[in-house]
Amino acid sequence: MTNPKEITIPQPAPRRLACSRCGAEFGCDLSGNCWCAEETAKLPMPVKGEDCLCRECLRKAATAVS
């Protein structure tokens, strides 16, 4: 019988994205440890046709909204 403590589940590799606004490349960790979780700016989901934003564009968008 296999010991459950010996079973390791591989974590998905961070996906590479291009910012929907400026095209800058950045990584997104699908396990929930993405850099954006550390940001104080919390915005609604991207508008139709947009995906994630890079750190700089996220901050600019948060400033424009507030």
C-alpha atoms as a PDB file:
ATOM      1  CA  MET A   1       0.000   0.000   0.000  1.00  0.00           C
ATOM      2  CA  THR A   2       1.262   3.471  -0.823  1.00  0.00           C
ATOM      3  CA  ASN A   3       1.856   5.878   2.023  1.00  0.00           C
ATOM      4  CA  PRO A   4      -0.230   9.049   1.310  1.00  0.00           C
ATOM      5  CA  LYS A   5       2.593  11.178   2.749  1.00  0.00           C
ATOM      6  CA  GLU A   6       4.882   9.907  -0.016  1.00  0.00           C
ATOM      7  CA  ILE A   7       2.556  10.985  -2.819  1.00  0.00           C
ATOM      8  CA  THR A   8       3.481  14.345  -4.268  1.00  0.00           C
ATOM      9  CA  ILE A   9       1.213  16.266  -6.549  1.00  0.00           C
ATOM     10  CA  PRO A  10       3.166  18.384  -9.010  1.00  0.00           C
ATOM     11  CA  GLN A  11       2.322  22.077  -8.936  1.00  0.00           C
ATOM     12  CA  PRO A  12       1.463  23.634 -12.291  1.00  0.00           C
ATOM     13  CA  ALA A  13       4.187  25.832 -13.727  1.00  0.00           C
ATOM     14  CA  PRO A  14       3.441  29.568 -13.769  1.00  0.00           C
ATOM     15  CA  ARG A  15       1.832  30.507 -17.040  1.00  0.00           C
ATOM     16  CA  ARG A  16       3.369  33.262 -19.131  1.00  0.00           C
ATOM     17  CA  LEU A  17       0.969  36.049 -20.014  1.00  0.00           C
ATOM     18  CA  ALA A  18       1.142  39.251 -22.001  1.00  0.00           C
ATOM     19  CA  CYS A  19      -0.548  42.282 -20.451  1.00  0.00           C
ATOM     20  CA  SER A  20      -3.776  43.104 -22.277  1.00  0.00           C
ATOM     21  CA  ARG A  21      -2.923  46.800 -22.266  1.00  0.00           C
ATOM     22  CA  CYS A  22       0.826  47.185 -22.818  1.00  0.00           C
ATOM     23  CA  GLY A  23       1.968  43.726 -23.959  1.00  0.00           C
ATOM     24  CA  ALA A  24       4.545  43.271 -21.161  1.00  0.00           C
ATOM     25  CA  GLU A  25       5.168  39.622 -20.319  1.00  0.00           C
ATOM     26  CA  PHE A  26       4.713  38.358 -16.773  1.00  0.00           C
ATOM     27  CA  GLY A  27       4.032  35.130 -14.917  1.00  0.00           C
ATOM     28  CA  CYS A  28       0.810  34.009 -13.264  1.00  0.00           C
ATOM     29  CA  ASP A  29       0.885  31.173 -10.750  1.00  0.00           C
ATOM     30  CA  LEU A  30      -2.336  29.187 -11.096  1.00  0.00           C
ATOM     31  CA  SER A  31      -1.957  27.754  -7.584  1.00  0.00           C
ATOM     32  CA  GLY A  32      -3.106  31.092  -6.170  1.00  0.00           C
ATOM     33  CA  ASN A  33       0.328  32.544  -5.401  1.00  0.00           C
ATOM     34  CA  CYS A  34       0.182  35.160  -8.144  1.00  0.00           C
ATOM     35  CA  TRP A  35       1.852  38.525  -7.527  1.00  0.00           C
ATOM     36  CA  CYS A  36      -1.495  40.286  -8.015  1.00  0.00           C
ATOM     37  CA  ALA A  37      -2.782  38.753  -4.769  1.00  0.00           C
ATOM     38  CA  GLU A  38      -0.221  40.951  -2.967  1.00  0.00           C
ATOM     39  CA  GLU A  39      -1.532  44.152  -4.571  1.00  0.00           C
ATOM     40  CA  THR A  40      -3.698  46.495  -2.556  1.00  0.00           C
ATOM     41  CA  ALA A  41      -5.563  47.522  -5.715  1.00  0.00           C
ATOM     42  CA  LYS A  42      -8.552  45.252  -6.268  1.00  0.00           C
ATOM     43  CA  LEU A  43     -10.448  45.854  -9.481  1.00  0.00           C
ATOM     44  CA  PRO A  44     -13.416  44.158 -11.128  1.00  0.00           C
ATOM     45  CA  MET A  45     -12.709  41.377 -13.576  1.00  0.00           C
ATOM     46  CA  PRO A  46     -11.119  42.534 -16.841  1.00  0.00           C
ATOM     47  CA  VAL A  47     -13.395  44.041 -19.433  1.00  0.00           C
ATOM     48  CA  LYS A  48     -14.549  41.912 -22.349  1.00  0.00           C
ATOM     49  CA  GLY A  49     -11.603  40.892 -24.483  1.00  0.00           C
ATOM     50  CA  GLU A  50      -9.006  41.581 -21.778  1.00  0.00           C
ATOM     51  CA  ASP A  51      -7.032  39.138 -19.698  1.00  0.00           C
ATOM     52  CA  CYS A  52      -4.788  39.908 -16.735  1.00  0.00           C
ATOM     53  CA  LEU A  53      -2.833  43.149 -16.490  1.00  0.00           C
ATOM     54  CA  CYS A  54       0.818  43.570 -15.559  1.00  0.00           C
ATOM     55  CA  ARG A  55       1.626  45.181 -12.209  1.00  0.00           C
ATOM     56  CA  GLU A  56       2.160  48.649 -13.702  1.00  0.00           C
ATOM     57  CA  CYS A  57      -1.072  48.659 -15.751  1.00  0.00           C
ATOM     58  CA  LEU A  58      -3.053  47.271 -12.797  1.00  0.00           C
ATOM     59  CA  ARG A  59      -1.808  50.129 -10.641  1.00  0.00           C
ATOM     60  CA  LYS A  60      -2.581  52.688 -13.357  1.00  0.00           C
ATOM     61  CA  ALA A  61      -6.102  51.287 -13.773  1.00  0.00           C
ATOM     62  CA  ALA A  62      -6.667  51.394  -9.997  1.00  0.00           C
ATOM     63  CA  THR A  63      -5.588  55.046  -9.912  1.00  0.00           C
ATOM     64  CA  ALA A  64      -7.932  55.898 -12.792  1.00  0.00           C
ATOM     65  CA  VAL A  65     -10.884  54.226 -11.022  1.00  0.00           C
ATOM     66  CA  SER A  66     -10.343  55.870  -7.636  1.00  0.00           C
END
